[in-house]
PDB file of all heavy atoms in Angstrom:
ATOM      1  N   GLY A   1    -100.656 -31.671   6.562  1.00  0.00           N
ATOM      2  CA  GLY A   1     -99.425 -32.361   6.361  1.00  0.00           C
ATOM      3  C   GLY A   1     -98.347 -31.624   5.531  1.00  0.00           C
ATOM      4  O   GLY A   1     -97.276 -31.424   5.968  1.00  0.00           O
ATOM      5  N   PHE A   2     -98.816 -31.017   4.402  1.00  0.00           N
ATOM      6  CA  PHE A   2     -97.879 -30.232   3.590  1.00  0.00           C
ATOM      7  C   PHE A   2     -97.420 -29.009   4.305  1.00  0.00           C
ATOM      8  O   PHE A   2     -96.262 -28.577   4.189  1.00  0.00           O
ATOM      9  CB  PHE A   2     -98.423 -29.954   2.229  1.00  0.00           C
ATOM     10  CG  PHE A   2     -97.459 -29.316   1.346  1.00  0.00           C
ATOM     11  CD1 PHE A   2     -96.346 -29.916   0.738  1.00  0.00           C
ATOM     12  CD2 PHE A   2     -97.584 -27.882   1.070  1.00  0.00           C
ATOM     13  CE1 PHE A   2     -95.368 -29.338   0.039  1.00  0.00           C
ATOM     14  CE2 PHE A   2     -96.643 -27.243   0.205  1.00  0.00           C
ATOM     15  CZ  PHE A   2     -95.579 -27.989  -0.320  1.00  0.00           C
ATOM     16  N   ALA A   3     -98.325 -28.368   5.005  1.00  0.00           N
ATOM     17  CA  ALA A   3     -97.971 -27.031   5.739  1.00  0.00           C
ATOM     18  C   ALA A   3     -96.922 -27.418   6.809  1.00  0.00           C
ATOM     19  O   ALA A   3     -95.993 -26.668   7.020  1.00  0.00           O
ATOM     20  CB  ALA A   3     -99.248 -26.437   6.315  1.00  0.00           C
ATOM     21  N   LEU A   4     -97.168 -28.483   7.532  1.00  0.00           N
ATOM     22  CA  LEU A   4     -96.189 -28.880   8.566  1.00  0.00           C
ATOM     23  C   LEU A   4     -94.826 -29.247   7.921  1.00  0.00           C
ATOM     24  O   LEU A   4     -93.732 -28.941   8.466  1.00  0.00           O
ATOM     25  CB  LEU A   4     -96.705 -30.005   9.428  1.00  0.00           C
ATOM     26  CG  LEU A   4     -97.736 -29.575  10.515  1.00  0.00           C
ATOM     27  CD1 LEU A   4     -98.362 -30.771  11.099  1.00  0.00           C
ATOM     28  CD2 LEU A   4     -97.092 -28.729  11.551  1.00  0.00           C
ATOM     29  N   TYR A   5     -94.886 -29.983   6.830  1.00  0.00           N
ATOM     30  CA  TYR A   5     -93.574 -30.349   6.177  1.00  0.00           C
ATOM     31  C   TYR A   5     -92.889 -29.176   5.788  1.00  0.00           C
ATOM     32  O   TYR A   5     -91.726 -29.092   5.889  1.00  0.00           O
ATOM     33  CB  TYR A   5     -93.879 -31.387   4.928  1.00  0.00           C
ATOM     34  CG  TYR A   5     -92.681 -31.486   4.173  1.00  0.00           C
ATOM     35  CD1 TYR A   5     -91.709 -32.407   4.621  1.00  0.00           C
ATOM     36  CD2 TYR A   5     -92.463 -30.925   2.967  1.00  0.00           C
ATOM     37  CE1 TYR A   5     -90.470 -32.550   3.975  1.00  0.00           C
ATOM     38  CE2 TYR A   5     -91.209 -31.061   2.273  1.00  0.00           C
ATOM     39  CZ  TYR A   5     -90.397 -31.888   2.707  1.00  0.00           C
ATOM     40  OH  TYR A   5     -89.160 -32.060   2.032  1.00  0.00           O
ATOM     41  N   TRP A   6     -93.648 -28.236   5.146  1.00  0.00           N
ATOM     42  CA  TRP A   6     -93.032 -26.964   4.547  1.00  0.00           C
ATOM     43  C   TRP A   6     -92.397 -26.148   5.740  1.00  0.00           C
ATOM     44  O   TRP A   6     -91.316 -25.502   5.539  1.00  0.00           O
ATOM     45  CB  TRP A   6     -93.982 -26.152   3.865  1.00  0.00           C
ATOM     46  CG  TRP A   6     -93.440 -24.974   3.191  1.00  0.00           C
ATOM     47  CD1 TRP A   6     -93.433 -23.664   3.609  1.00  0.00           C
ATOM     48  CD2 TRP A   6     -92.615 -24.928   1.933  1.00  0.00           C
ATOM     49  NE1 TRP A   6     -92.829 -22.845   2.670  1.00  0.00           N
ATOM     50  CE2 TRP A   6     -92.276 -23.661   1.678  1.00  0.00           C
ATOM     51  CE3 TRP A   6     -92.354 -26.004   0.955  1.00  0.00           C
ATOM     52  CZ2 TRP A   6     -91.589 -23.272   0.576  1.00  0.00           C
ATOM     53  CZ3 TRP A   6     -91.590 -25.553  -0.107  1.00  0.00           C
ATOM     54  CH2 TRP A   6     -91.293 -24.246  -0.314  1.00  0.00           C
ATOM     55  N   THR A   7     -93.069 -26.147   6.871  1.00  0.00           N
ATOM     56  CA  THR A   7     -92.631 -25.438   7.998  1.00  0.00           C
ATOM     57  C   THR A   7     -91.302 -26.061   8.637  1.00  0.00           C
ATOM     58  O   THR A   7     -90.288 -25.337   8.989  1.00  0.00           O
ATOM     59  CB  THR A   7     -93.615 -25.262   9.153  1.00  0.00           C
ATOM     60  OG1 THR A   7     -94.796 -24.742   8.508  1.00  0.00           O
ATOM     61  CG2 THR A   7     -93.218 -24.418  10.208  1.00  0.00           C
ATOM     62  N   TYR A   8     -91.265 -27.406   8.693  1.00  0.00           N
ATOM     63  CA  TYR A   8     -90.210 -28.042   9.443  1.00  0.00           C
ATOM     64  C   TYR A   8     -89.391 -28.910   8.534  1.00  0.00           C
ATOM     65  O   TYR A   8     -88.671 -29.754   8.958  1.00  0.00           O
ATOM     66  CB  TYR A   8     -90.858 -28.944  10.589  1.00  0.00           C
ATOM     67  CG  TYR A   8     -91.474 -28.127  11.607  1.00  0.00           C
ATOM     68  CD1 TYR A   8     -92.822 -28.033  11.698  1.00  0.00           C
ATOM     69  CD2 TYR A   8     -90.768 -27.470  12.514  1.00  0.00           C
ATOM     70  CE1 TYR A   8     -93.502 -27.338  12.637  1.00  0.00           C
ATOM     71  CE2 TYR A   8     -91.364 -26.678  13.514  1.00  0.00           C
ATOM     72  CZ  TYR A   8     -92.784 -26.587  13.587  1.00  0.00           C
ATOM     73  OH  TYR A   8     -93.387 -25.875  14.539  1.00  0.00           O
ATOM     74  N   LYS A   9     -89.345 -28.666   7.232  1.00  0.00           N
ATOM     75  CA  LYS A   9     -88.601 -29.458   6.306  1.00  0.00           C
ATOM     76  C   LYS A   9     -87.096 -29.364   6.609  1.00  0.00           C
ATOM     77  O   LYS A   9     -86.643 -28.295   7.177  1.00  0.00           O
ATOM     78  CB  LYS A   9     -88.882 -29.040   4.897  1.00  0.00           C
ATOM     79  CG  LYS A   9     -88.322 -27.699   4.451  1.00  0.00           C
ATOM     80  CD  LYS A   9     -88.707 -27.380   3.033  1.00  0.00           C
ATOM     81  CE  LYS A   9     -88.184 -26.005   2.708  1.00  0.00           C
ATOM     82  NZ  LYS A   9     -88.423 -25.619   1.368  1.00  0.00           N
ATOM     83  N   PRO A  10     -86.377 -30.440   6.349  1.00  0.00           N
ATOM     84  CA  PRO A  10     -84.935 -30.365   6.538  1.00  0.00           C
ATOM     85  C   PRO A  10     -84.233 -29.371   5.693  1.00  0.00           C
ATOM     86  O   PRO A  10     -84.629 -29.147   4.544  1.00  0.00           O
ATOM     87  CB  PRO A  10     -84.483 -31.779   6.225  1.00  0.00           C
ATOM     88  CG  PRO A  10     -85.666 -32.610   5.969  1.00  0.00           C
ATOM     89  CD  PRO A  10     -86.808 -31.676   5.803  1.00  0.00           C
ATOM     90  N   ARG A  11     -83.285 -28.662   6.170  1.00  0.00           N
ATOM     91  CA  ARG A  11     -82.613 -27.635   5.472  1.00  0.00           C
ATOM     92  C   ARG A  11     -81.648 -28.301   4.569  1.00  0.00           C
ATOM     93  O   ARG A  11     -80.990 -29.281   4.922  1.00  0.00           O
ATOM     94  CB  ARG A  11     -81.913 -26.648   6.367  1.00  0.00           C
ATOM     95  CG  ARG A  11     -82.935 -25.916   7.175  1.00  0.00           C
ATOM     96  CD  ARG A  11     -82.187 -24.955   8.192  1.00  0.00           C
ATOM     97  NE  ARG A  11     -83.183 -24.452   9.074  1.00  0.00           N
ATOM     98  CZ  ARG A  11     -83.299 -23.280   9.391  1.00  0.00           C
ATOM     99  NH1 ARG A  11     -82.465 -22.370   8.882  1.00  0.00           N
ATOM    100  NH2 ARG A  11     -84.216 -22.819  10.217  1.00  0.00           N
ATOM    101  N   SER A  12     -81.513 -27.739   3.369  1.00  0.00           N
ATOM    102  CA  SER A  12     -80.558 -28.366   2.353  1.00  0.00           C
ATOM    103  C   SER A  12     -79.078 -27.959   2.834  1.00  0.00           C
ATOM    104  O   SER A  12     -78.893 -26.849   3.427  1.00  0.00           O
ATOM    105  CB  SER A  12     -80.757 -27.842   0.970  1.00  0.00           C
ATOM    106  OG  SER A  12     -80.722 -26.453   0.933  1.00  0.00           O
ATOM    107  N   THR A  13     -78.100 -28.758   2.504  1.00  0.00           N
ATOM    108  CA  THR A  13     -76.748 -28.391   2.853  1.00  0.00           C
ATOM    109  C   THR A  13     -76.210 -27.396   1.791  1.00  0.00           C
ATOM    110  O   THR A  13     -76.517 -27.509   0.652  1.00  0.00           O
ATOM    111  CB  THR A  13     -75.831 -29.678   2.829  1.00  0.00           C
ATOM    112  OG1 THR A  13     -75.899 -30.223   1.619  1.00  0.00           O
ATOM    113  CG2 THR A  13     -76.335 -30.737   3.956  1.00  0.00           C
ATOM    114  N   SER A  14     -75.391 -26.436   2.316  1.00  0.00           N
ATOM    115  CA  SER A  14     -74.913 -25.418   1.514  1.00  0.00           C
ATOM    116  C   SER A  14     -73.655 -25.923   0.775  1.00  0.00           C
ATOM    117  O   SER A  14     -72.892 -26.755   1.258  1.00  0.00           O
ATOM    118  CB  SER A  14     -74.656 -24.233   2.301  1.00  0.00           C
ATOM    119  OG  SER A  14     -73.987 -23.285   1.602  1.00  0.00           O
ATOM    120  N   SER A  15     -73.383 -25.360  -0.458  1.00  0.00           N
ATOM    121  CA  SER A  15     -72.147 -25.823  -1.152  1.00  0.00           C
ATOM    122  C   SER A  15     -70.952 -25.232  -0.470  1.00  0.00           C
ATOM    123  O   SER A  15     -69.869 -25.710  -0.780  1.00  0.00           O
ATOM    124  CB  SER A  15     -72.336 -25.485  -2.599  1.00  0.00           C
ATOM    125  OG  SER A  15     -72.395 -24.049  -2.645  1.00  0.00           O
ATOM    126  N   THR A  16     -71.126 -24.198   0.333  1.00  0.00           N
ATOM    127  CA  THR A  16     -69.956 -23.570   1.001  1.00  0.00           C
ATOM    128  C   THR A  16     -69.640 -24.261   2.302  1.00  0.00           C
ATOM    129  O   THR A  16     -68.810 -23.793   3.086  1.00  0.00           O
ATOM    130  CB  THR A  16     -70.235 -22.101   1.271  1.00  0.00           C
ATOM    131  OG1 THR A  16     -71.342 -21.933   2.009  1.00  0.00           O
ATOM    132  CG2 THR A  16     -70.382 -21.434  -0.051  1.00  0.00           C
ATOM    133  N   ALA A  17     -70.317 -25.334   2.671  1.00  0.00           N
ATOM    134  CA  ALA A  17     -70.023 -25.957   3.999  1.00  0.00           C
ATOM    135  C   ALA A  17     -68.694 -26.564   3.948  1.00  0.00           C
ATOM    136  O   ALA A  17     -68.153 -27.134   2.990  1.00  0.00           O
ATOM    137  CB  ALA A  17     -71.131 -27.021   4.241  1.00  0.00           C
ATOM    138  N   VAL A  18     -68.081 -26.685   5.079  1.00  0.00           N
ATOM    139  CA  VAL A  18     -66.733 -27.312   5.273  1.00  0.00           C
ATOM    140  C   VAL A  18     -66.965 -28.752   5.257  1.00  0.00           C
ATOM    141  O   VAL A  18     -67.811 -29.353   5.921  1.00  0.00           O
ATOM    142  CB  VAL A  18     -66.129 -26.754   6.506  1.00  0.00           C
ATOM    143  CG1 VAL A  18     -64.782 -27.471   6.768  1.00  0.00           C
ATOM    144  CG2 VAL A  18     -65.932 -25.266   6.586  1.00  0.00           C
ATOM    145  N   ALA A  19     -66.113 -29.398   4.445  1.00  0.00           N
ATOM    146  CA  ALA A  19     -66.179 -30.847   4.313  1.00  0.00           C
ATOM    147  C   ALA A  19     -65.597 -31.519   5.600  1.00  0.00           C
ATOM    148  O   ALA A  19     -64.571 -31.035   6.066  1.00  0.00           O
ATOM    149  CB  ALA A  19     -65.412 -31.329   3.112  1.00  0.00           C
ATOM    150  N   GLN A  20     -66.242 -32.418   6.118  1.00  0.00           N
ATOM    151  CA  GLN A  20     -65.898 -33.147   7.330  1.00  0.00           C
ATOM    152  C   GLN A  20     -64.732 -34.212   6.875  1.00  0.00           C
ATOM    153  O   GLN A  20     -65.000 -34.981   5.897  1.00  0.00           O
ATOM    154  CB  GLN A  20     -66.974 -33.847   8.065  1.00  0.00           C
ATOM    155  CG  GLN A  20     -68.045 -32.794   8.517  1.00  0.00           C
ATOM    156  CD  GLN A  20     -67.416 -31.923   9.676  1.00  0.00           C
ATOM    157  OE1 GLN A  20     -66.588 -32.370  10.473  1.00  0.00           O
ATOM    158  NE2 GLN A  20     -67.861 -30.692   9.715  1.00  0.00           N
ATOM    159  N   PRO A  21     -63.696 -34.304   7.661  1.00  0.00           N
ATOM    160  CA  PRO A  21     -62.769 -35.439   7.233  1.00  0.00           C
ATOM    161  C   PRO A  21     -63.341 -36.783   7.591  1.00  0.00           C
ATOM    162  O   PRO A  21     -64.208 -36.941   8.422  1.00  0.00           O
ATOM    163  CB  PRO A  21     -61.525 -35.132   8.225  1.00  0.00           C
ATOM    164  CG  PRO A  21     -62.145 -34.314   9.382  1.00  0.00           C
ATOM    165  CD  PRO A  21     -63.325 -33.552   8.741  1.00  0.00           C
ATOM    166  N   GLU A  22     -62.864 -37.721   6.869  1.00  0.00           N
ATOM    167  CA  GLU A  22     -63.439 -39.170   6.949  1.00  0.00           C
ATOM    168  C   GLU A  22     -62.785 -39.608   8.327  1.00  0.00           C
ATOM    169  O   GLU A  22     -61.643 -39.316   8.672  1.00  0.00           O
ATOM    170  CB  GLU A  22     -62.933 -40.032   5.842  1.00  0.00           C
ATOM    171  CG  GLU A  22     -63.769 -39.649   4.603  1.00  0.00           C
ATOM    172  CD  GLU A  22     -63.548 -40.701   3.536  1.00  0.00           C
ATOM    173  OE1 GLU A  22     -63.317 -41.858   3.884  1.00  0.00           O
ATOM    174  OE2 GLU A  22     -63.699 -40.403   2.378  1.00  0.00           O
ATOM    175  N   PRO A  23     -63.588 -40.504   9.003  1.00  0.00           N
ATOM    176  CA  PRO A  23     -63.046 -41.067  10.308  1.00  0.00           C
ATOM    177  C   PRO A  23     -61.878 -41.926  10.052  1.00  0.00           C
ATOM    178  O   PRO A  23     -61.760 -42.598   9.019  1.00  0.00           O
ATOM    179  CB  PRO A  23     -64.213 -41.721  10.831  1.00  0.00           C
ATOM    180  CG  PRO A  23     -65.179 -41.967   9.738  1.00  0.00           C
ATOM    181  CD  PRO A  23     -64.875 -40.864   8.727  1.00  0.00           C
ATOM    182  N   ALA A  24     -60.965 -41.941  11.004  1.00  0.00           N
ATOM    183  CA  ALA A  24     -59.813 -42.752  10.850  1.00  0.00           C
ATOM    184  C   ALA A  24     -60.246 -44.241  10.999  1.00  0.00           C
ATOM    185  O   ALA A  24     -61.241 -44.572  11.624  1.00  0.00           O
ATOM    186  CB  ALA A  24     -58.821 -42.431  11.941  1.00  0.00           C
ATOM    187  N   ALA A  25     -59.399 -45.128  10.412  1.00  0.00           N
ATOM    188  CA  ALA A  25     -59.730 -46.567  10.425  1.00  0.00           C
ATOM    189  C   ALA A  25     -59.666 -47.027  11.896  1.00  0.00           C
ATOM    190  O   ALA A  25     -58.853 -46.605  12.647  1.00  0.00           O
ATOM    191  CB  ALA A  25     -58.777 -47.342   9.588  1.00  0.00           C
ATOM    192  N   GLU A  26     -60.461 -47.996  12.185  1.00  0.00           N
ATOM    193  CA  GLU A  26     -60.362 -48.595  13.606  1.00  0.00           C
ATOM    194  C   GLU A  26     -59.052 -49.275  13.783  1.00  0.00           C
ATOM    195  O   GLU A  26     -58.534 -49.970  12.882  1.00  0.00           O
ATOM    196  CB  GLU A  26     -61.513 -49.598  13.722  1.00  0.00           C
ATOM    197  CG  GLU A  26     -62.921 -49.090  13.516  1.00  0.00           C
ATOM    198  CD  GLU A  26     -63.492 -48.362  14.740  1.00  0.00           C
ATOM    199  OE1 GLU A  26     -62.963 -48.640  15.827  1.00  0.00           O
ATOM    200  OE2 GLU A  26     -64.275 -47.429  14.527  1.00  0.00           O
ATOM    201  N   PRO A  27     -58.359 -49.049  14.907  1.00  0.00           N
ATOM    202  CA  PRO A  27     -57.039 -49.575  15.163  1.00  0.00           C
ATOM    203  C   PRO A  27     -57.029 -51.128  15.081  1.00  0.00           C
ATOM    204  O   PRO A  27     -56.059 -51.751  14.607  1.00  0.00           O
ATOM    205  CB  PRO A  27     -56.613 -49.103  16.486  1.00  0.00           C
ATOM    206  CG  PRO A  27     -57.697 -48.136  16.909  1.00  0.00           C
ATOM    207  CD  PRO A  27     -58.834 -48.261  15.997  1.00  0.00           C
ATOM    208  N   HIS A  28     -58.092 -51.766  15.557  1.00  0.00           N
ATOM    209  CA  HIS A  28     -58.063 -53.160  15.582  1.00  0.00           C
ATOM    210  C   HIS A  28     -58.426 -53.895  14.221  1.00  0.00           C
ATOM    211  O   HIS A  28     -58.231 -54.977  14.041  1.00  0.00           O
ATOM    212  CB  HIS A  28     -59.200 -53.737  16.545  1.00  0.00           C
ATOM    213  CG  HIS A  28     -60.599 -53.413  16.205  1.00  0.00           C
ATOM    214  ND1 HIS A  28     -61.109 -52.271  16.428  1.00  0.00           N
ATOM    215  CD2 HIS A  28     -61.526 -54.220  15.567  1.00  0.00           C
ATOM    216  CE1 HIS A  28     -62.422 -52.220  16.033  1.00  0.00           C
ATOM    217  NE2 HIS A  28     -62.637 -53.359  15.439  1.00  0.00           N
ATOM    218  N   LEU A  29     -58.802 -52.949  13.182  1.00  0.00           N
ATOM    219  CA  LEU A  29     -59.046 -53.508  11.903  1.00  0.00           C
ATOM    220  C   LEU A  29     -57.802 -53.354  10.958  1.00  0.00           C
ATOM    221  O   LEU A  29     -57.682 -54.075  10.024  1.00  0.00           O
ATOM    222  CB  LEU A  29     -60.185 -52.664  11.207  1.00  0.00           C
ATOM    223  CG  LEU A  29     -61.618 -52.871  11.892  1.00  0.00           C
ATOM    224  CD1 LEU A  29     -62.568 -51.983  11.150  1.00  0.00           C
ATOM    225  CD2 LEU A  29     -62.028 -54.363  11.826  1.00  0.00           C
ATOM    226  N   ALA A  30     -56.895 -52.465  11.312  1.00  0.00           N
ATOM    227  CA  ALA A  30     -55.690 -52.402  10.610  1.00  0.00           C
ATOM    228  C   ALA A  30     -54.623 -53.393  11.083  1.00  0.00           C
ATOM    229  O   ALA A  30     -54.143 -53.353  12.104  1.00  0.00           O
ATOM    230  CB  ALA A  30     -55.061 -50.898  10.741  1.00  0.00           C
ATOM    231  N   ARG A  31     -54.298 -54.214  10.129  1.00  0.00           N
ATOM    232  CA  ARG A  31     -53.261 -55.251  10.544  1.00  0.00           C
ATOM    233  C   ARG A  31     -52.277 -55.377   9.449  1.00  0.00           C
ATOM    234  O   ARG A  31     -52.357 -55.337   8.301  1.00  0.00           O
ATOM    235  CB  ARG A  31     -53.969 -56.634  10.765  1.00  0.00           C
ATOM    236  CG  ARG A  31     -54.814 -56.596  11.848  1.00  0.00           C
ATOM    237  CD  ARG A  31     -55.255 -57.908  12.241  1.00  0.00           C
ATOM    238  NE  ARG A  31     -56.306 -57.816  13.286  1.00  0.00           N
ATOM    239  CZ  ARG A  31     -56.363 -58.611  14.269  1.00  0.00           C
ATOM    240  NH1 ARG A  31     -55.642 -59.662  14.358  1.00  0.00           N
ATOM    241  NH2 ARG A  31     -57.234 -58.498  15.265  1.00  0.00           N
TER     242      ARG A  31
END
């Protein structure tokens, strides 16, 4: 179990990664 986890563990996100913009508000919710 640990060997498989170590082999396929999720990669950590890098601090140099580009931030994704937040999604725009749904048009039907803005009134």
